[in-house]
Amino acid sequence: MDGLNSNLNLNGDASPTVIPGLGEWGPTSVPSTRSKKRMRWLIVLFFTLALTAVTLFGWFIYTVLNG
């Protein structure tokens, strides 16, 4: 009976170059959930700081030109 056994090949028809290497307990060289959460917060912080810097620079230029 072919339908009773599950297919454990989760890679499907993916190219071998995009399939992660398999270690003893799972994929290797794949970022952990903790590091992905950290990067999400760092990106939000970076964009907030960048937006603040651009806004302050624009305000500075505005005051110099009108002042």
PDB file of N, CA and C in Angstrom:
ATOM      1  N   MET A   1       0.844  -1.175   0.000  1.00  0.00           N
ATOM      2  CA  MET A   1       0.000   0.000   0.000  1.00  0.00           C
ATOM      3  C   MET A   1       0.887   1.235   0.000  1.00  0.00           C
ATOM      4  N   ASP A   2       0.769   1.991  -1.030  1.00  0.00           N
ATOM      5  CA  ASP A   2       1.655   3.130  -1.205  1.00  0.00           C
ATOM      6  C   ASP A   2       1.227   4.337  -0.382  1.00  0.00           C
ATOM      7  N   GLY A   3      -0.045   4.503  -0.077  1.00  0.00           N
ATOM      8  CA  GLY A   3      -0.529   5.697   0.600  1.00  0.00           C
ATOM      9  C   GLY A   3      -0.328   5.698   2.100  1.00  0.00           C
ATOM     10  N   LEU A   4       0.059   4.589   2.705  1.00  0.00           N
ATOM     11  CA  LEU A   4       0.202   4.534   4.154  1.00  0.00           C
ATOM     12  C   LEU A   4       1.528   5.094   4.645  1.00  0.00           C
ATOM     13  N   ASN A   5       2.536   5.059   3.818  1.00  0.00           N
ATOM     14  CA  ASN A   5       3.854   5.556   4.216  1.00  0.00           C
ATOM     15  C   ASN A   5       3.992   7.019   3.812  1.00  0.00           C
ATOM     16  N   SER A   6       4.492   7.826   4.740  1.00  0.00           N
ATOM     17  CA  SER A   6       4.691   9.234   4.401  1.00  0.00           C
ATOM     18  C   SER A   6       6.015   9.403   3.675  1.00  0.00           C
ATOM     19  N   ASN A   7       6.085  10.398   2.830  1.00  0.00           N
ATOM     20  CA  ASN A   7       7.302  10.710   2.099  1.00  0.00           C
ATOM     21  C   ASN A   7       8.123  11.655   2.966  1.00  0.00           C
ATOM     22  N   LEU A   8       9.253  11.199   3.458  1.00  0.00           N
ATOM     23  CA  LEU A   8      10.072  12.004   4.358  1.00  0.00           C
ATOM     24  C   LEU A   8      11.041  12.924   3.626  1.00  0.00           C
ATOM     25  N   ASN A   9      11.029  12.907   2.313  1.00  0.00           N
ATOM     26  CA  ASN A   9      11.888  13.796   1.541  1.00  0.00           C
ATOM     27  C   ASN A   9      11.219  15.168   1.475  1.00  0.00           C
ATOM     28  N   LEU A  10      11.607  16.063   2.390  1.00  0.00           N
ATOM     29  CA  LEU A  10      10.990  17.386   2.450  1.00  0.00           C
ATOM     30  C   LEU A  10      11.568  18.348   1.425  1.00  0.00           C
ATOM     31  N   ASN A  11      12.633  17.938   0.741  1.00  0.00           N
ATOM     32  CA  ASN A  11      13.267  18.821  -0.234  1.00  0.00           C
ATOM     33  C   ASN A  11      12.537  18.820  -1.569  1.00  0.00           C
ATOM     34  N   GLY A  12      11.821  17.755  -1.888  1.00  0.00           N
ATOM     35  CA  GLY A  12      11.060  17.690  -3.132  1.00  0.00           C
ATOM     36  C   GLY A  12      11.958  17.809  -4.345  1.00  0.00           C
ATOM     37  N   ASP A  13      11.558  18.659  -5.274  1.00  0.00           N
ATOM     38  CA  ASP A  13      12.303  18.844  -6.524  1.00  0.00           C
ATOM     39  C   ASP A  13      13.268  20.019  -6.459  1.00  0.00           C
ATOM     40  N   ALA A  14      13.645  20.435  -5.272  1.00  0.00           N
ATOM     41  CA  ALA A  14      14.548  21.583  -5.128  1.00  0.00           C
ATOM     42  C   ALA A  14      15.928  21.254  -5.694  1.00  0.00           C
ATOM     43  N   SER A  15      16.572  22.282  -6.195  1.00  0.00           N
ATOM     44  CA  SER A  15      17.918  22.133  -6.733  1.00  0.00           C
ATOM     45  C   SER A  15      18.886  21.763  -5.610  1.00  0.00           C
ATOM     46  N   PRO A  16      19.852  20.897  -5.868  1.00  0.00           N
ATOM     47  CA  PRO A  16      20.798  20.506  -4.811  1.00  0.00           C
ATOM     48  C   PRO A  16      21.597  21.674  -4.237  1.00  0.00           C
ATOM     49  N   THR A  17      21.712  22.768  -4.977  1.00  0.00           N
ATOM     50  CA  THR A  17      22.487  23.906  -4.469  1.00  0.00           C
ATOM     51  C   THR A  17      21.742  24.686  -3.392  1.00  0.00           C
ATOM     52  N   VAL A  18      20.425  24.550  -3.312  1.00  0.00           N
ATOM     53  CA  VAL A  18      19.662  25.286  -2.304  1.00  0.00           C
ATOM     54  C   VAL A  18      19.249  24.413  -1.125  1.00  0.00           C
ATOM     55  N   ILE A  19      19.530  23.132  -1.174  1.00  0.00           N
ATOM     56  CA  ILE A  19      19.193  22.230  -0.073  1.00  0.00           C
ATOM     57  C   ILE A  19      20.280  22.351   0.991  1.00  0.00           C
ATOM     58  N   PRO A  20      19.922  22.636   2.263  1.00  0.00           N
ATOM     59  CA  PRO A  20      20.948  22.761   3.300  1.00  0.00           C
ATOM     60  C   PRO A  20      21.620  21.424   3.572  1.00  0.00           C
ATOM     61  N   GLY A  21      22.891  21.493   3.981  1.00  0.00           N
ATOM     62  CA  GLY A  21      23.606  20.278   4.337  1.00  0.00           C
ATOM     63  C   GLY A  21      22.991  19.657   5.579  1.00  0.00           C
ATOM     64  N   LEU A  22      22.952  18.346   5.636  1.00  0.00           N
ATOM     65  CA  LEU A  22      22.342  17.668   6.771  1.00  0.00           C
ATOM     66  C   LEU A  22      23.413  17.187   7.731  1.00  0.00           C
ATOM     67  N   GLY A  23      23.257  17.568   8.997  1.00  0.00           N
ATOM     68  CA  GLY A  23      24.144  17.092  10.048  1.00  0.00           C
ATOM     69  C   GLY A  23      23.516  15.910  10.752  1.00  0.00           C
ATOM     70  N   GLU A  24      24.038  15.580  11.932  1.00  0.00           N
ATOM     71  CA  GLU A  24      23.527  14.432  12.672  1.00  0.00           C
ATOM     72  C   GLU A  24      22.112  14.680  13.188  1.00  0.00           C
ATOM     73  N   TRP A  25      21.819  15.935  13.594  1.00  0.00           N
ATOM     74  CA  TRP A  25      20.518  16.237  14.193  1.00  0.00           C
ATOM     75  C   TRP A  25      19.640  17.121  13.324  1.00  0.00           C
ATOM     76  N   GLY A  26      20.091  17.502  12.168  1.00  0.00           N
ATOM     77  CA  GLY A  26      19.278  18.345  11.296  1.00  0.00           C
ATOM     78  C   GLY A  26      20.151  19.156  10.363  1.00  0.00           C
ATOM     79  N   PRO A  27      19.582  20.170   9.734  1.00  0.00           N
ATOM     80  CA  PRO A  27      20.343  20.974   8.781  1.00  0.00           C
ATOM     81  C   PRO A  27      21.494  21.722   9.446  1.00  0.00           C
ATOM     82  N   THR A  28      22.561  21.907   8.706  1.00  0.00           N
ATOM     83  CA  THR A  28      23.708  22.668   9.202  1.00  0.00           C
ATOM     84  C   THR A  28      23.744  24.023   8.493  1.00  0.00           C
ATOM     85  N   SER A  29      24.403  24.980   9.105  1.00  0.00           N
ATOM     86  CA  SER A  29      24.559  26.339   8.559  1.00  0.00           C
ATOM     87  C   SER A  29      23.216  27.026   8.322  1.00  0.00           C
ATOM     88  N   VAL A  30      22.247  26.750   9.185  1.00  0.00           N
ATOM     89  CA  VAL A  30      20.941  27.403   9.123  1.00  0.00           C
ATOM     90  C   VAL A  30      20.814  28.248  10.384  1.00  0.00           C
ATOM     91  N   PRO A  31      20.433  29.534  10.269  1.00  0.00           N
ATOM     92  CA  PRO A  31      20.350  30.377  11.466  1.00  0.00           C
ATOM     93  C   PRO A  31      19.288  29.872  12.437  1.00  0.00           C
ATOM     94  N   SER A  32      19.571  30.028  13.720  1.00  0.00           N
ATOM     95  CA  SER A  32      18.631  29.582  14.746  1.00  0.00           C
ATOM     96  C   SER A  32      17.474  30.568  14.868  1.00  0.00           C
ATOM     97  N   THR A  33      16.426  30.132  15.531  1.00  0.00           N
ATOM     98  CA  THR A  33      15.269  31.001  15.747  1.00  0.00           C
ATOM     99  C   THR A  33      15.657  32.209  16.584  1.00  0.00           C
ATOM    100  N   ARG A  34      16.518  32.005  17.569  1.00  0.00           N
ATOM    101  CA  ARG A  34      16.956  33.114  18.430  1.00  0.00           C
ATOM    102  C   ARG A  34      17.700  34.177  17.624  1.00  0.00           C
ATOM    103  N   SER A  35      18.585  33.740  16.730  1.00  0.00           N
ATOM    104  CA  SER A  35      19.332  34.724  15.936  1.00  0.00           C
ATOM    105  C   SER A  35      18.418  35.441  14.945  1.00  0.00           C
ATOM    106  N   LYS A  36      17.401  34.743  14.421  1.00  0.00           N
ATOM    107  CA  LYS A  36      16.462  35.405  13.515  1.00  0.00           C
ATOM    108  C   LYS A  36      15.621  36.438  14.259  1.00  0.00           C
ATOM    109  N   LYS A  37      15.215  36.136  15.493  1.00  0.00           N
ATOM    110  CA  LYS A  37      14.474  37.112  16.302  1.00  0.00           C
ATOM    111  C   LYS A  37      15.342  38.331  16.596  1.00  0.00           C
ATOM    112  N   ARG A  38      16.611  38.089  16.933  1.00  0.00           N
ATOM    113  CA  ARG A  38      17.535  39.181  17.223  1.00  0.00           C
ATOM    114  C   ARG A  38      17.706  40.078  15.997  1.00  0.00           C
ATOM    115  N   MET A  39      17.841  39.476  14.824  1.00  0.00           N
ATOM    116  CA  MET A  39      18.021  40.261  13.606  1.00  0.00           C
ATOM    117  C   MET A  39      16.778  41.079  13.281  1.00  0.00           C
ATOM    118  N   ARG A  40      15.585  40.522  13.541  1.00  0.00           N
ATOM    119  CA  ARG A  40      14.360  41.292  13.300  1.00  0.00           C
ATOM    120  C   ARG A  40      14.347  42.552  14.146  1.00  0.00           C
ATOM    121  N   TRP A  41      14.715  42.440  15.426  1.00  0.00           N
ATOM    122  CA  TRP A  41      14.729  43.612  16.307  1.00  0.00           C
ATOM    123  C   TRP A  41      15.820  44.594  15.907  1.00  0.00           C
ATOM    124  N   LEU A  42      16.972  44.077  15.483  1.00  0.00           N
ATOM    125  CA  LEU A  42      18.051  44.970  15.065  1.00  0.00           C
ATOM    126  C   LEU A  42      17.676  45.749  13.809  1.00  0.00           C
ATOM    127  N   ILE A  43      16.968  45.117  12.889  1.00  0.00           N
ATOM    128  CA  ILE A  43      16.543  45.806  11.672  1.00  0.00           C
ATOM    129  C   ILE A  43      15.547  46.913  12.010  1.00  0.00           C
ATOM    130  N   VAL A  44      14.589  46.619  12.905  1.00  0.00           N
ATOM    131  CA  VAL A  44      13.626  47.644  13.323  1.00  0.00           C
ATOM    132  C   VAL A  44      14.362  48.807  13.984  1.00  0.00           C
ATOM    133  N   LEU A  45      15.315  48.498  14.867  1.00  0.00           N
ATOM    134  CA  LEU A  45      16.091  49.540  15.532  1.00  0.00           C
ATOM    135  C   LEU A  45      16.896  50.354  14.523  1.00  0.00           C
ATOM    136  N   PHE A  46      17.530  49.682  13.568  1.00  0.00           N
ATOM    137  CA  PHE A  46      18.327  50.369  12.555  1.00  0.00           C
ATOM    138  C   PHE A  46      17.470  51.334  11.739  1.00  0.00           C
ATOM    139  N   PHE A  47      16.322  50.871  11.265  1.00  0.00           N
ATOM    140  CA  PHE A  47      15.472  51.741  10.457  1.00  0.00           C
ATOM    141  C   PHE A  47      14.905  52.898  11.270  1.00  0.00           C
ATOM    142  N   THR A  48      14.610  52.664  12.542  1.00  0.00           N
ATOM    143  CA  THR A  48      14.139  53.750  13.399  1.00  0.00           C
ATOM    144  C   THR A  48      15.224  54.804  13.577  1.00  0.00           C
ATOM    145  N   LEU A  49      16.451  54.359  13.841  1.00  0.00           N
ATOM    146  CA  LEU A  49      17.559  55.306  13.988  1.00  0.00           C
ATOM    147  C   LEU A  49      17.854  56.037  12.680  1.00  0.00           C
ATOM    148  N   ALA A  50      17.783  55.323  11.560  1.00  0.00           N
ATOM    149  CA  ALA A  50      18.033  55.958  10.268  1.00  0.00           C
ATOM    150  C   ALA A  50      16.964  57.001   9.957  1.00  0.00           C
ATOM    151  N   LEU A  51      15.708  56.685  10.238  1.00  0.00           N
ATOM    152  CA  LEU A  51      14.629  57.645  10.005  1.00  0.00           C
ATOM    153  C   LEU A  51      14.782  58.865  10.907  1.00  0.00           C
ATOM    154  N   THR A  52      15.179  58.647  12.151  1.00  0.00           N
ATOM    155  CA  THR A  52      15.411  59.762  13.072  1.00  0.00           C
ATOM    156  C   THR A  52      16.553  60.646  12.575  1.00  0.00           C
ATOM    157  N   ALA A  53      17.636  60.025  12.109  1.00  0.00           N
ATOM    158  CA  ALA A  53      18.783  60.793  11.614  1.00  0.00           C
ATOM    159  C   ALA A  53      18.408  61.613  10.381  1.00  0.00           C
ATOM    160  N   VAL A  54      17.661  61.023   9.467  1.00  0.00           N
ATOM    161  CA  VAL A  54      17.255  61.751   8.257  1.00  0.00           C
ATOM    162  C   VAL A  54      16.327  62.905   8.619  1.00  0.00           C
ATOM    163  N   THR A  55      15.411  62.669   9.557  1.00  0.00           N
ATOM    164  CA  THR A  55      14.490  63.730   9.987  1.00  0.00           C
ATOM    165  C   THR A  55      15.247  64.873  10.653  1.00  0.00           C
ATOM    166  N   LEU A  56      16.179  64.553  11.538  1.00  0.00           N
ATOM    167  CA  LEU A  56      16.961  65.596  12.206  1.00  0.00           C
ATOM    168  C   LEU A  56      17.832  66.365  11.219  1.00  0.00           C
ATOM    169  N   PHE A  57      18.402  65.662  10.252  1.00  0.00           N
ATOM    170  CA  PHE A  57      19.208  66.334   9.240  1.00  0.00           C
ATOM    171  C   PHE A  57      18.342  67.279   8.406  1.00  0.00           C
ATOM    172  N   GLY A  58      17.152  66.828   8.038  1.00  0.00           N
ATOM    173  CA  GLY A  58      16.232  67.685   7.286  1.00  0.00           C
ATOM    174  C   GLY A  58      15.816  68.902   8.085  1.00  0.00           C
ATOM    175  N   TRP A  59      15.556  68.708   9.366  1.00  0.00           N
ATOM    176  CA  TRP A  59      15.198  69.840  10.234  1.00  0.00           C
ATOM    177  C   TRP A  59      16.365  70.825  10.341  1.00  0.00           C
ATOM    178  N   PHE A  60      17.592  70.301  10.462  1.00  0.00           N
ATOM    179  CA  PHE A  60      18.779  71.153  10.544  1.00  0.00           C
ATOM    180  C   PHE A  60      18.942  71.972   9.266  1.00  0.00           C
ATOM    181  N   ILE A  61      18.830  71.342   8.125  1.00  0.00           N
ATOM    182  CA  ILE A  61      18.958  72.049   6.846  1.00  0.00           C
ATOM    183  C   ILE A  61      17.853  73.099   6.707  1.00  0.00           C
ATOM    184  N   TYR A  62      16.648  72.756   7.119  1.00  0.00           N
ATOM    185  CA  TYR A  62      15.529  73.707   7.059  1.00  0.00           C
ATOM    186  C   TYR A  62      15.804  74.939   7.917  1.00  0.00           C
ATOM    187  N   THR A  63      16.312  74.723   9.134  1.00  0.00           N
ATOM    188  CA  THR A  63      16.585  75.871  10.008  1.00  0.00           C
ATOM    189  C   THR A  63      17.755  76.701   9.492  1.00  0.00           C
ATOM    190  N   VAL A  64      18.749  76.073   8.894  1.00  0.00           N
ATOM    191  CA  VAL A  64      19.886  76.827   8.348  1.00  0.00           C
ATOM    192  C   VAL A  64      19.430  77.678   7.163  1.00  0.00           C
ATOM    193  N   LEU A  65      18.616  77.119   6.290  1.00  0.00           N
ATOM    194  CA  LEU A  65      18.178  77.864   5.112  1.00  0.00           C
ATOM    195  C   LEU A  65      17.192  78.974   5.456  1.00  0.00           C
ATOM    196  N   ASN A  66      16.405  78.797   6.493  1.00  0.00           N
ATOM    197  CA  ASN A  66      15.411  79.809   6.859  1.00  0.00           C
ATOM    198  C   ASN A  66      15.865  80.696   8.010  1.00  0.00           C
ATOM    199  N   GLY A  67      17.001  80.416   8.575  1.00  0.00           N
ATOM    200  CA  GLY A  67      17.368  81.105   9.783  1.00  0.00           C
ATOM    201  C   GLY A  67      18.287  82.218   9.655  1.00  0.00           C
TER     202      GLY A  67
END
